[in-house]
Amino acid sequence: MSSKENTTSQLLALLEARYAIRVLWALRDGHAQTFRLLQDSVGGITPNTLNTRLKELRATELIAHDSDGYSLTPFGADLVKRLSDLQAFAAKWVAALTKRK
C-alpha cells in the first residue's frame, strides 16, 4: 500500500466511526457548540459515544474546544467543505432512485 493510500485509509477509518461525520457536519456552520447543543444537533448519540468521538476528532485536530464550545479547526473546515459535495450527489442520487420506482 502506498503512503497516499495509507493516509486515505487512516482518514476513512476515523470517519467510519459511528457518528463521526455527523459531529463534523453539525459544526459546519462555523459556530461553536456546547456538548449539550452538539448532542442535540447530532441526534440519537449517547453522551459516552459523543465524548469518545470528540476526543478522537480533537486528537486528530479536526475539531477544537475552547470556552465557547466545540468548533472545526481549519483542517476540519476544509474536510467538511470537501464533504459538502456529497450533499449535491445525494440529491441527484435520491432523485434518480425515485424516478426508477
Protein backbone atom coordinates (compact mmCIF):
# COMPACT_ATOMS: atom_id res chain seq x y z
CA MET A 1 0.00 0.00 0.00
CA SER A 2 1.39 3.40 -0.94
CA SER A 3 1.68 6.14 1.65
CA LYS A 4 -1.06 8.06 -0.18
CA GLU A 5 -3.42 5.09 0.15
CA ASN A 6 -2.39 4.67 3.78
CA THR A 7 -3.24 8.27 4.68
CA THR A 8 -6.60 7.98 2.91
CA SER A 9 -7.28 4.74 4.79
CA GLN A 10 -6.46 6.46 8.08
CA LEU A 11 -8.91 9.27 7.36
CA LEU A 12 -11.63 6.87 6.24
CA ALA A 13 -11.14 4.76 9.36
CA LEU A 14 -11.64 7.85 11.51
CA LEU A 15 -14.73 8.92 9.58
CA GLU A 16 -16.22 5.40 9.68
CA ALA A 17 -16.52 5.63 13.46
CA ARG A 18 -20.15 5.89 14.48
CA TYR A 19 -21.41 9.50 14.32
CA ALA A 20 -18.01 10.99 13.41
CA ILE A 21 -19.25 12.55 10.17
CA ARG A 22 -22.43 13.72 11.87
CA VAL A 23 -20.41 15.52 14.54
CA LEU A 24 -18.33 17.26 11.87
CA TRP A 25 -21.43 18.08 9.86
CA ALA A 26 -23.18 19.57 12.91
CA LEU A 27 -20.28 22.02 13.27
CA ARG A 28 -20.20 23.02 9.60
CA ASP A 29 -21.81 26.45 10.11
CA GLY A 30 -18.70 27.68 11.92
CA HIS A 31 -20.40 28.40 15.24
CA ALA A 32 -19.07 26.76 18.38
CA GLN A 33 -21.43 24.38 20.14
CA THR A 34 -21.53 23.20 23.72
CA PHE A 35 -21.56 19.47 24.45
CA ARG A 36 -25.33 19.51 25.07
CA LEU A 37 -26.12 21.52 21.93
CA LEU A 38 -23.87 19.29 19.86
CA GLN A 39 -25.60 16.21 21.27
CA ASP A 40 -28.97 17.68 20.23
CA SER A 41 -27.60 18.67 16.79
CA VAL A 42 -26.27 15.18 16.09
CA GLY A 43 -29.38 13.45 17.41
CA GLY A 44 -29.54 9.95 18.83
CA ILE A 45 -25.97 9.94 20.11
CA THR A 46 -25.30 8.92 23.69
CA PRO A 47 -23.14 11.17 25.86
CA ASN A 48 -20.49 8.44 26.10
CA THR A 49 -20.30 8.00 22.32
CA LEU A 50 -20.21 11.75 21.76
CA ASN A 51 -17.43 12.12 24.30
CA THR A 52 -15.42 9.39 22.55
CA ARG A 53 -15.92 10.95 19.09
CA LEU A 54 -14.97 14.39 20.40
CA LYS A 55 -11.77 13.03 21.93
CA GLU A 56 -10.86 11.29 18.65
CA LEU A 57 -11.67 14.31 16.50
CA ARG A 58 -9.72 16.61 18.82
CA ALA A 59 -6.73 14.26 18.83
CA THR A 60 -6.68 14.36 15.02
CA GLU A 61 -7.03 18.16 15.01
CA LEU A 62 -10.31 18.23 13.10
CA ILE A 63 -12.15 19.96 15.94
CA ALA A 64 -11.09 22.15 18.83
CA HIS A 65 -12.59 23.03 22.19
CA ASP A 66 -12.45 26.35 23.97
CA SER A 67 -14.63 28.36 26.36
CA ASP A 68 -17.32 28.78 23.67
CA GLY A 69 -17.57 25.05 22.97
CA TYR A 70 -16.55 22.75 20.12
CA SER A 71 -15.75 24.03 16.65
CA LEU A 72 -13.99 22.95 13.48
CA THR A 73 -10.30 23.61 13.08
CA PRO A 74 -9.06 24.81 9.68
CA PHE A 75 -8.41 21.14 8.79
CA GLY A 76 -11.92 20.21 9.90
CA ALA A 77 -13.47 23.07 7.95
CA ASP A 78 -11.54 22.02 4.84
CA LEU A 79 -12.73 18.44 5.22
CA VAL A 80 -16.37 19.46 5.69
CA LYS A 81 -16.11 21.73 2.65
CA ARG A 82 -14.93 18.75 0.61
CA LEU A 83 -17.68 16.56 2.06
CA SER A 84 -20.32 19.13 1.11
CA ASP A 85 -20.12 17.83 -2.45
CA LEU A 86 -21.85 14.74 -1.07
CA GLN A 87 -25.00 16.78 -0.47
CA ALA A 88 -25.35 17.58 -4.18
CA PHE A 89 -24.55 13.98 -5.10
CA ALA A 90 -27.08 12.65 -2.58
CA ALA A 91 -29.84 14.84 -4.04
CA LYS A 92 -29.14 13.58 -7.58
CA TRP A 93 -28.87 10.01 -6.39
CA VAL A 94 -32.18 10.06 -4.48
CA ALA A 95 -33.92 11.72 -7.43
CA ALA A 96 -32.63 9.00 -9.77
CA LEU A 97 -33.76 6.25 -7.40
CA THR A 98 -37.18 7.84 -7.04
CA LYS A 99 -37.65 8.00 -10.82
CA ARG A 100 -36.94 4.28 -11.13
CA LYS A 101 -39.77 3.34 -8.77
